[in-house]
Amino acid sequence: VDFDLILEKVKDLNVLAGEGISHIEHTPGGARLRQPEPLPLTLYQNGIVMFNGPFRPYEDPSTQQCLQDIMDGYFPSELQMRYPDGI
C-alpha cells in the first residue's frame, strides 16, 4: 500500500470538497458560519478505520473498493448514502 499516494489523493479530495471553506447555516435567530465535519480515516500497516468504526483489513473487498475510489479521485461510493452532498 502506497501511503504517500493515498494521503496525496485524500488531500486532493479535501481541496475539491472545499476544505477550509465555511458555509452559511441558518438558525432561528439568524445565521452562522459552519465548516463541514471531518471524516476520520486512520491508515494502518494492515488496514483502515473510518469514523470510529471497525478495523477493516486491506484484503477486505469493501476496503479495496473504498481505497480505489479515493485513488481514482472520487468520493468513496460507500459514503454516498450517508453523505449525499459529500463531506
PDB file of N, CA and C in Angstrom:
ATOM      1  N   VAL A   1       0.852  -1.178   0.000  1.00  0.00           N
ATOM      2  CA  VAL A   1       0.000   0.000   0.000  1.00  0.00           C
ATOM      3  C   VAL A   1       0.894   1.236   0.000  1.00  0.00           C
ATOM      4  N   ASP A   2       0.650   2.125  -0.934  1.00  0.00           N
ATOM      5  CA  ASP A   2       1.425   3.362  -1.053  1.00  0.00           C
ATOM      6  C   ASP A   2       0.739   4.460  -0.228  1.00  0.00           C
ATOM      7  N   PHE A   3       1.164   4.580   1.033  1.00  0.00           N
ATOM      8  CA  PHE A   3       0.525   5.527   1.943  1.00  0.00           C
ATOM      9  C   PHE A   3       0.684   6.967   1.475  1.00  0.00           C
ATOM     10  N   ASP A   4       1.841   7.304   0.928  1.00  0.00           N
ATOM     11  CA  ASP A   4       2.057   8.672   0.453  1.00  0.00           C
ATOM     12  C   ASP A   4       1.069   9.034  -0.650  1.00  0.00           C
ATOM     13  N   LEU A   5       0.834   8.098  -1.561  1.00  0.00           N
ATOM     14  CA  LEU A   5      -0.107   8.349  -2.653  1.00  0.00           C
ATOM     15  C   LEU A   5      -1.538   8.471  -2.121  1.00  0.00           C
ATOM     16  N   ILE A   6      -1.908   7.622  -1.176  1.00  0.00           N
ATOM     17  CA  ILE A   6      -3.245   7.711  -0.588  1.00  0.00           C
ATOM     18  C   ILE A   6      -3.433   9.075   0.082  1.00  0.00           C
ATOM     19  N   LEU A   7      -2.444   9.496   0.859  1.00  0.00           N
ATOM     20  CA  LEU A   7      -2.544  10.794   1.538  1.00  0.00           C
ATOM     21  C   LEU A   7      -2.629  11.945   0.540  1.00  0.00           C
ATOM     22  N   GLU A   8      -1.883  11.847  -0.550  1.00  0.00           N
ATOM     23  CA  GLU A   8      -1.939  12.872  -1.596  1.00  0.00           C
ATOM     24  C   GLU A   8      -3.340  12.928  -2.208  1.00  0.00           C
ATOM     25  N   LYS A   9      -3.913  11.770  -2.480  1.00  0.00           N
ATOM     26  CA  LYS A   9      -5.256  11.720  -3.076  1.00  0.00           C
ATOM     27  C   LYS A   9      -6.319  12.242  -2.107  1.00  0.00           C
ATOM     28  N   VAL A  10      -6.164  11.922  -0.809  1.00  0.00           N
ATOM     29  CA  VAL A  10      -7.106  12.432   0.190  1.00  0.00           C
ATOM     30  C   VAL A  10      -7.011  13.950   0.261  1.00  0.00           C
ATOM     31  N   LYS A  11      -5.804  14.496   0.229  1.00  0.00           N
ATOM     32  CA  LYS A  11      -5.634  15.951   0.235  1.00  0.00           C
ATOM     33  C   LYS A  11      -6.288  16.577  -0.981  1.00  0.00           C
ATOM     34  N   ASP A  12      -6.126  15.965  -2.155  1.00  0.00           N
ATOM     35  CA  ASP A  12      -6.761  16.467  -3.376  1.00  0.00           C
ATOM     36  C   ASP A  12      -8.285  16.479  -3.237  1.00  0.00           C
ATOM     37  N   LEU A  13      -8.840  15.393  -2.678  1.00  0.00           N
ATOM     38  CA  LEU A  13     -10.291  15.329  -2.487  1.00  0.00           C
ATOM     39  C   LEU A  13     -10.759  16.375  -1.481  1.00  0.00           C
ATOM     40  N   ASN A  14      -9.961  16.616  -0.447  1.00  0.00           N
ATOM     41  CA  ASN A  14     -10.317  17.642   0.538  1.00  0.00           C
ATOM     42  C   ASN A  14     -10.387  19.022  -0.104  1.00  0.00           C
ATOM     43  N   VAL A  15      -9.446  19.310  -0.993  1.00  0.00           N
ATOM     44  CA  VAL A  15      -9.457  20.598  -1.690  1.00  0.00           C
ATOM     45  C   VAL A  15     -10.706  20.699  -2.565  1.00  0.00           C
ATOM     46  N   LEU A  16     -11.019  19.636  -3.290  1.00  0.00           N
ATOM     47  CA  LEU A  16     -12.215  19.642  -4.141  1.00  0.00           C
ATOM     48  C   LEU A  16     -13.492  19.795  -3.324  1.00  0.00           C
ATOM     49  N   ALA A  17     -13.486  19.245  -2.113  1.00  0.00           N
ATOM     50  CA  ALA A  17     -14.669  19.316  -1.256  1.00  0.00           C
ATOM     51  C   ALA A  17     -14.802  20.656  -0.550  1.00  0.00           C
ATOM     52  N   GLY A  18     -13.804  21.529  -0.709  1.00  0.00           N
ATOM     53  CA  GLY A  18     -13.891  22.851  -0.110  1.00  0.00           C
ATOM     54  C   GLY A  18     -13.303  22.926   1.283  1.00  0.00           C
ATOM     55  N   GLU A  19     -12.240  22.213   1.513  1.00  0.00           N
ATOM     56  CA  GLU A  19     -11.593  22.232   2.830  1.00  0.00           C
ATOM     57  C   GLU A  19     -11.283  23.665   3.242  1.00  0.00           C
ATOM     58  N   GLY A  20     -11.649  24.000   4.467  1.00  0.00           N
ATOM     59  CA  GLY A  20     -11.383  25.331   4.988  1.00  0.00           C
ATOM     60  C   GLY A  20     -12.410  26.379   4.607  1.00  0.00           C
ATOM     61  N   ILE A  21     -13.369  26.007   3.780  1.00  0.00           N
ATOM     62  CA  ILE A  21     -14.411  26.948   3.349  1.00  0.00           C
ATOM     63  C   ILE A  21     -15.627  26.783   4.250  1.00  0.00           C
ATOM     64  N   SER A  22     -16.097  27.872   4.794  1.00  0.00           N
ATOM     65  CA  SER A  22     -17.267  27.836   5.665  1.00  0.00           C
ATOM     66  C   SER A  22     -18.537  27.982   4.832  1.00  0.00           C
ATOM     67  N   HIS A  23     -19.608  27.441   5.379  1.00  0.00           N
ATOM     68  CA  HIS A  23     -20.920  27.525   4.736  1.00  0.00           C
ATOM     69  C   HIS A  23     -21.882  28.215   5.692  1.00  0.00           C
ATOM     70  N   ILE A  24     -22.857  28.865   5.133  1.00  0.00           N
ATOM     71  CA  ILE A  24     -23.852  29.553   5.955  1.00  0.00           C
ATOM     72  C   ILE A  24     -24.880  28.543   6.439  1.00  0.00           C
ATOM     73  N   GLU A  25     -25.084  28.525   7.749  1.00  0.00           N
ATOM     74  CA  GLU A  25     -26.097  27.675   8.355  1.00  0.00           C
ATOM     75  C   GLU A  25     -27.147  28.595   8.969  1.00  0.00           C
ATOM     76  N   HIS A  26     -28.382  28.479   8.492  1.00  0.00           N
ATOM     77  CA  HIS A  26     -29.456  29.332   9.003  1.00  0.00           C
ATOM     78  C   HIS A  26     -29.910  28.814  10.361  1.00  0.00           C
ATOM     79  N   THR A  27     -30.092  29.727  11.288  1.00  0.00           N
ATOM     80  CA  THR A  27     -30.547  29.401  12.632  1.00  0.00           C
ATOM     81  C   THR A  27     -31.833  30.164  12.897  1.00  0.00           C
ATOM     82  N   PRO A  28     -32.582  29.810  13.956  1.00  0.00           N
ATOM     83  CA  PRO A  28     -33.837  30.524  14.237  1.00  0.00           C
ATOM     84  C   PRO A  28     -33.653  32.031  14.395  1.00  0.00           C
ATOM     85  N   GLY A  29     -32.509  32.472  14.931  1.00  0.00           N
ATOM     86  CA  GLY A  29     -32.310  33.898  15.139  1.00  0.00           C
ATOM     87  C   GLY A  29     -31.437  34.561  14.097  1.00  0.00           C
ATOM     88  N   GLY A  30     -31.052  33.862  13.061  1.00  0.00           N
ATOM     89  CA  GLY A  30     -30.179  34.443  12.043  1.00  0.00           C
ATOM     90  C   GLY A  30     -29.417  33.377  11.288  1.00  0.00           C
ATOM     91  N   ALA A  31     -28.089  33.496  11.336  1.00  0.00           N
ATOM     92  CA  ALA A  31     -27.257  32.539  10.617  1.00  0.00           C
ATOM     93  C   ALA A  31     -25.866  32.524  11.242  1.00  0.00           C
ATOM     94  N   ARG A  32     -25.116  31.474  10.948  1.00  0.00           N
ATOM     95  CA  ARG A  32     -23.729  31.390  11.405  1.00  0.00           C
ATOM     96  C   ARG A  32     -22.913  30.634  10.375  1.00  0.00           C
ATOM     97  N   LEU A  33     -21.607  30.868  10.424  1.00  0.00           N
ATOM     98  CA  LEU A  33     -20.708  30.152   9.528  1.00  0.00           C
ATOM     99  C   LEU A  33     -20.367  28.805  10.138  1.00  0.00           C
ATOM    100  N   ARG A  34     -20.339  27.791   9.293  1.00  0.00           N
ATOM    101  CA  ARG A  34     -20.054  26.439   9.769  1.00  0.00           C
ATOM    102  C   ARG A  34     -19.156  25.742   8.772  1.00  0.00           C
ATOM    103  N   GLN A  35     -18.131  25.067   9.285  1.00  0.00           N
ATOM    104  CA  GLN A  35     -17.268  24.266   8.429  1.00  0.00           C
ATOM    105  C   GLN A  35     -17.765  22.823   8.454  1.00  0.00           C
ATOM    106  N   PRO A  36     -17.640  22.120   7.332  1.00  0.00           N
ATOM    107  CA  PRO A  36     -18.078  20.715   7.306  1.00  0.00           C
ATOM    108  C   PRO A  36     -17.308  19.882   8.329  1.00  0.00           C
ATOM    109  N   GLU A  37     -17.985  18.894   8.886  1.00  0.00           N
ATOM    110  CA  GLU A  37     -17.357  17.985   9.833  1.00  0.00           C
ATOM    111  C   GLU A  37     -16.372  17.083   9.101  1.00  0.00           C
ATOM    112  N   PRO A  38     -15.179  16.891   9.649  1.00  0.00           N
ATOM    113  CA  PRO A  38     -14.224  15.991   9.007  1.00  0.00           C
ATOM    114  C   PRO A  38     -14.635  14.533   9.178  1.00  0.00           C
ATOM    115  N   LEU A  39     -14.187  13.712   8.278  1.00  0.00           N
ATOM    116  CA  LEU A  39     -14.426  12.282   8.343  1.00  0.00           C
ATOM    117  C   LEU A  39     -13.108  11.618   8.739  1.00  0.00           C
ATOM    118  N   PRO A  40     -13.012  11.084   9.955  1.00  0.00           N
ATOM    119  CA  PRO A  40     -11.755  10.481  10.390  1.00  0.00           C
ATOM    120  C   PRO A  40     -11.433   9.202   9.611  1.00  0.00           C
ATOM    121  N   LEU A  41     -10.236   9.147   9.080  1.00  0.00           N
ATOM    122  CA  LEU A  41      -9.734   7.966   8.369  1.00  0.00           C
ATOM    123  C   LEU A  41      -8.341   7.694   8.903  1.00  0.00           C
ATOM    124  N   THR A  42      -8.156   6.521   9.493  1.00  0.00           N
ATOM    125  CA  THR A  42      -6.867   6.139  10.046  1.00  0.00           C
ATOM    126  C   THR A  42      -6.306   4.996   9.226  1.00  0.00           C
ATOM    127  N   LEU A  43      -5.090   5.178   8.732  1.00  0.00           N
ATOM    128  CA  LEU A  43      -4.409   4.153   7.934  1.00  0.00           C
ATOM    129  C   LEU A  43      -3.438   3.387   8.816  1.00  0.00           C
ATOM    130  N   TYR A  44      -3.506   2.077   8.749  1.00  0.00           N
ATOM    131  CA  TYR A  44      -2.586   1.203   9.462  1.00  0.00           C
ATOM    132  C   TYR A  44      -1.813   0.376   8.443  1.00  0.00           C
ATOM    133  N   GLN A  45      -0.805  -0.285   8.904  1.00  0.00           N
ATOM    134  CA  GLN A  45       0.012  -1.114   8.019  1.00  0.00           C
ATOM    135  C   GLN A  45      -0.814  -2.211   7.351  1.00  0.00           C
ATOM    136  N   ASN A  46      -1.843  -2.702   8.050  1.00  0.00           N
ATOM    137  CA  ASN A  46      -2.611  -3.830   7.530  1.00  0.00           C
ATOM    138  C   ASN A  46      -4.099  -3.538   7.337  1.00  0.00           C
ATOM    139  N   GLY A  47      -4.506  -2.254   7.428  1.00  0.00           N
ATOM    140  CA  GLY A  47      -5.909  -1.951   7.210  1.00  0.00           C
ATOM    141  C   GLY A  47      -6.246  -0.506   7.562  1.00  0.00           C
ATOM    142  N   ILE A  48      -7.546  -0.209   7.600  1.00  0.00           N
ATOM    143  CA  ILE A  48      -8.015   1.151   7.880  1.00  0.00           C
ATOM    144  C   ILE A  48      -9.117   1.117   8.931  1.00  0.00           C
ATOM    145  N   VAL A  49      -9.354   2.289   9.521  1.00  0.00           N
ATOM    146  CA  VAL A  49     -10.520   2.517  10.367  1.00  0.00           C
ATOM    147  C   VAL A  49     -11.113   3.837   9.908  1.00  0.00           C
ATOM    148  N   MET A  50     -12.409   3.818   9.576  1.00  0.00           N
ATOM    149  CA  MET A  50     -13.103   5.029   9.167  1.00  0.00           C
ATOM    150  C   MET A  50     -14.121   5.361  10.248  1.00  0.00           C
ATOM    151  N   PHE A  51     -14.242   6.643  10.571  1.00  0.00           N
ATOM    152  CA  PHE A  51     -15.038   7.095  11.718  1.00  0.00           C
ATOM    153  C   PHE A  51     -14.417   6.435  12.942  1.00  0.00           C
ATOM    154  N   ASN A  52     -15.237   5.918  13.811  1.00  0.00           N
ATOM    155  CA  ASN A  52     -14.758   5.113  14.938  1.00  0.00           C
ATOM    156  C   ASN A  52     -15.214   3.679  14.735  1.00  0.00           C
ATOM    157  N   GLY A  53     -15.364   3.321  13.458  1.00  0.00           N
ATOM    158  CA  GLY A  53     -15.889   2.019  13.095  1.00  0.00           C
ATOM    159  C   GLY A  53     -14.910   0.888  13.315  1.00  0.00           C
ATOM    160  N   PRO A  54     -15.266  -0.266  12.813  1.00  0.00           N
ATOM    161  CA  PRO A  54     -14.415  -1.440  12.996  1.00  0.00           C
ATOM    162  C   PRO A  54     -13.156  -1.358  12.130  1.00  0.00           C
ATOM    163  N   PHE A  55     -12.146  -2.093  12.531  1.00  0.00           N
ATOM    164  CA  PHE A  55     -10.935  -2.221  11.728  1.00  0.00           C
ATOM    165  C   PHE A  55     -11.284  -2.975  10.454  1.00  0.00           C
ATOM    166  N   ARG A  56     -10.778  -2.488   9.332  1.00  0.00           N
ATOM    167  CA  ARG A  56     -11.062  -3.106   8.027  1.00  0.00           C
ATOM    168  C   ARG A  56      -9.736  -3.462   7.351  1.00  0.00           C
ATOM    169  N   PRO A  57      -9.417  -4.747   7.233  1.00  0.00           N
ATOM    170  CA  PRO A  57      -8.157  -5.132   6.596  1.00  0.00           C
ATOM    171  C   PRO A  57      -8.156  -4.776   5.110  1.00  0.00           C
ATOM    172  N   TYR A  58      -6.962  -4.553   4.577  1.00  0.00           N
ATOM    173  CA  TYR A  58      -6.827  -4.207   3.158  1.00  0.00           C
ATOM    174  C   TYR A  58      -7.331  -5.311   2.242  1.00  0.00           C
ATOM    175  N   GLU A  59      -7.344  -6.540   2.719  1.00  0.00           N
ATOM    176  CA  GLU A  59      -7.804  -7.663   1.899  1.00  0.00           C
ATOM    177  C   GLU A  59      -9.323  -7.677   1.727  1.00  0.00           C
ATOM    178  N   ASP A  60     -10.037  -6.960   2.575  1.00  0.00           N
ATOM    179  CA  ASP A  60     -11.497  -6.907   2.509  1.00  0.00           C
ATOM    180  C   ASP A  60     -11.909  -6.194   1.223  1.00  0.00           C
ATOM    181  N   PRO A  61     -12.804  -6.803   0.421  1.00  0.00           N
ATOM    182  CA  PRO A  61     -13.219  -6.169  -0.841  1.00  0.00           C
ATOM    183  C   PRO A  61     -13.804  -4.764  -0.667  1.00  0.00           C
ATOM    184  N   SER A  62     -14.536  -4.528   0.423  1.00  0.00           N
ATOM    185  CA  SER A  62     -15.113  -3.188   0.610  1.00  0.00           C
ATOM    186  C   SER A  62     -14.026  -2.160   0.904  1.00  0.00           C
ATOM    187  N   THR A  63     -12.974  -2.564   1.601  1.00  0.00           N
ATOM    188  CA  THR A  63     -11.843  -1.670   1.862  1.00  0.00           C
ATOM    189  C   THR A  63     -11.115  -1.374   0.562  1.00  0.00           C
ATOM    190  N   GLN A  64     -10.917  -2.392  -0.248  1.00  0.00           N
ATOM    191  CA  GLN A  64     -10.248  -2.203  -1.540  1.00  0.00           C
ATOM    192  C   GLN A  64     -11.046  -1.252  -2.423  1.00  0.00           C
ATOM    193  N   GLN A  65     -12.380  -1.387  -2.433  1.00  0.00           N
ATOM    194  CA  GLN A  65     -13.221  -0.503  -3.238  1.00  0.00           C
ATOM    195  C   GLN A  65     -13.148   0.932  -2.727  1.00  0.00           C
ATOM    196  N   CYS A  66     -13.175   1.103  -1.416  1.00  0.00           N
ATOM    197  CA  CYS A  66     -13.085   2.436  -0.815  1.00  0.00           C
ATOM    198  C   CYS A  66     -11.773   3.103  -1.227  1.00  0.00           C
ATOM    199  N   LEU A  67     -10.672   2.405  -1.070  1.00  0.00           N
ATOM    200  CA  LEU A  67      -9.370   2.969  -1.427  1.00  0.00           C
ATOM    201  C   LEU A  67      -9.241   3.199  -2.926  1.00  0.00           C
ATOM    202  N   GLN A  68      -9.838   2.321  -3.732  1.00  0.00           N
ATOM    203  CA  GLN A  68      -9.795   2.517  -5.184  1.00  0.00           C
ATOM    204  C   GLN A  68     -10.562   3.774  -5.575  1.00  0.00           C
ATOM    205  N   ASP A  69     -11.704   4.005  -4.946  1.00  0.00           N
ATOM    206  CA  ASP A  69     -12.462   5.238  -5.202  1.00  0.00           C
ATOM    207  C   ASP A  69     -11.596   6.458  -4.893  1.00  0.00           C
ATOM    208  N   ILE A  70     -10.919   6.442  -3.748  1.00  0.00           N
ATOM    209  CA  ILE A  70     -10.049   7.556  -3.362  1.00  0.00           C
ATOM    210  C   ILE A  70      -8.917   7.718  -4.363  1.00  0.00           C
ATOM    211  N   MET A  71      -8.298   6.611  -4.753  1.00  0.00           N
ATOM    212  CA  MET A  71      -7.165   6.656  -5.689  1.00  0.00           C
ATOM    213  C   MET A  71      -7.604   7.180  -7.061  1.00  0.00           C
ATOM    214  N   ASP A  72      -8.858   6.905  -7.420  1.00  0.00           N
ATOM    215  CA  ASP A  72      -9.389   7.376  -8.704  1.00  0.00           C
ATOM    216  C   ASP A  72      -9.878   8.821  -8.627  1.00  0.00           C
ATOM    217  N   GLY A  73      -9.804   9.420  -7.430  1.00  0.00           N
ATOM    218  CA  GLY A  73     -10.216  10.810  -7.270  1.00  0.00           C
ATOM    219  C   GLY A  73     -11.692  10.998  -7.009  1.00  0.00           C
ATOM    220  N   TYR A  74     -12.359   9.947  -6.510  1.00  0.00           N
ATOM    221  CA  TYR A  74     -13.790  10.013  -6.251  1.00  0.00           C
ATOM    222  C   TYR A  74     -14.091   9.923  -4.765  1.00  0.00           C
ATOM    223  N   PHE A  75     -15.205  10.515  -4.378  1.00  0.00           N
ATOM    224  CA  PHE A  75     -15.743  10.354  -3.036  1.00  0.00           C
ATOM    225  C   PHE A  75     -16.098   8.876  -2.890  1.00  0.00           C
ATOM    226  N   PRO A  76     -15.672   8.199  -1.817  1.00  0.00           N
ATOM    227  CA  PRO A  76     -15.956   6.764  -1.677  1.00  0.00           C
ATOM    228  C   PRO A  76     -17.446   6.456  -1.824  1.00  0.00           C
ATOM    229  N   SER A  77     -17.749   5.530  -2.724  1.00  0.00           N
ATOM    230  CA  SER A  77     -19.146   5.208  -3.027  1.00  0.00           C
ATOM    231  C   SER A  77     -19.900   4.699  -1.807  1.00  0.00           C
ATOM    232  N   GLU A  78     -19.214   4.057  -0.875  1.00  0.00           N
ATOM    233  CA  GLU A  78     -19.892   3.539   0.315  1.00  0.00           C
ATOM    234  C   GLU A  78     -20.434   4.655   1.208  1.00  0.00           C
ATOM    235  N   LEU A  79     -19.960   5.881   1.032  1.00  0.00           N
ATOM    236  CA  LEU A  79     -20.396   7.001   1.863  1.00  0.00           C
ATOM    237  C   LEU A  79     -21.484   7.841   1.207  1.00  0.00           C
ATOM    238  N   GLN A  80     -21.837   7.536  -0.025  1.00  0.00           N
ATOM    239  CA  GLN A  80     -22.783   8.374  -0.754  1.00  0.00           C
ATOM    240  C   GLN A  80     -24.190   8.353  -0.170  1.00  0.00           C
ATOM    241  N   MET A  81     -24.601   7.237   0.407  1.00  0.00           N
ATOM    242  CA  MET A  81     -25.934   7.187   1.029  1.00  0.00           C
ATOM    243  C   MET A  81     -25.945   8.032   2.306  1.00  0.00           C
ATOM    244  N   ARG A  82     -24.867   7.973   3.075  1.00  0.00           N
ATOM    245  CA  ARG A  82     -24.772   8.702   4.341  1.00  0.00           C
ATOM    246  C   ARG A  82     -24.562  10.193   4.118  1.00  0.00           C
ATOM    247  N   TYR A  83     -23.815  10.536   3.070  1.00  0.00           N
ATOM    248  CA  TYR A  83     -23.490  11.929   2.746  1.00  0.00           C
ATOM    249  C   TYR A  83     -23.806  12.200   1.270  1.00  0.00           C
ATOM    250  N   PRO A  84     -25.079  12.350   0.919  1.00  0.00           N
ATOM    251  CA  PRO A  84     -25.434  12.538  -0.493  1.00  0.00           C
ATOM    252  C   PRO A  84     -24.848  13.796  -1.115  1.00  0.00           C
ATOM    253  N   ASP A  85     -24.520  14.792  -0.299  1.00  0.00           N
ATOM    254  CA  ASP A  85     -23.919  16.029  -0.809  1.00  0.00           C
ATOM    255  C   ASP A  85     -22.412  16.055  -0.632  1.00  0.00           C
ATOM    256  N   GLY A  86     -21.819  14.917  -0.238  1.00  0.00           N
ATOM    257  CA  GLY A  86     -20.383  14.856   0.003  1.00  0.00           C
ATOM    258  C   GLY A  86     -20.056  15.295   1.418  1.00  0.00           C
ATOM    259  N   ILE A  87     -18.772  15.277   1.719  1.00  0.00           N
ATOM    260  CA  ILE A  87     -18.317  15.697   3.040  1.00  0.00           C
ATOM    261  C   ILE A  87     -16.957  16.338   2.909  1.00  0.00           C
TER     262      ILE A  87
END
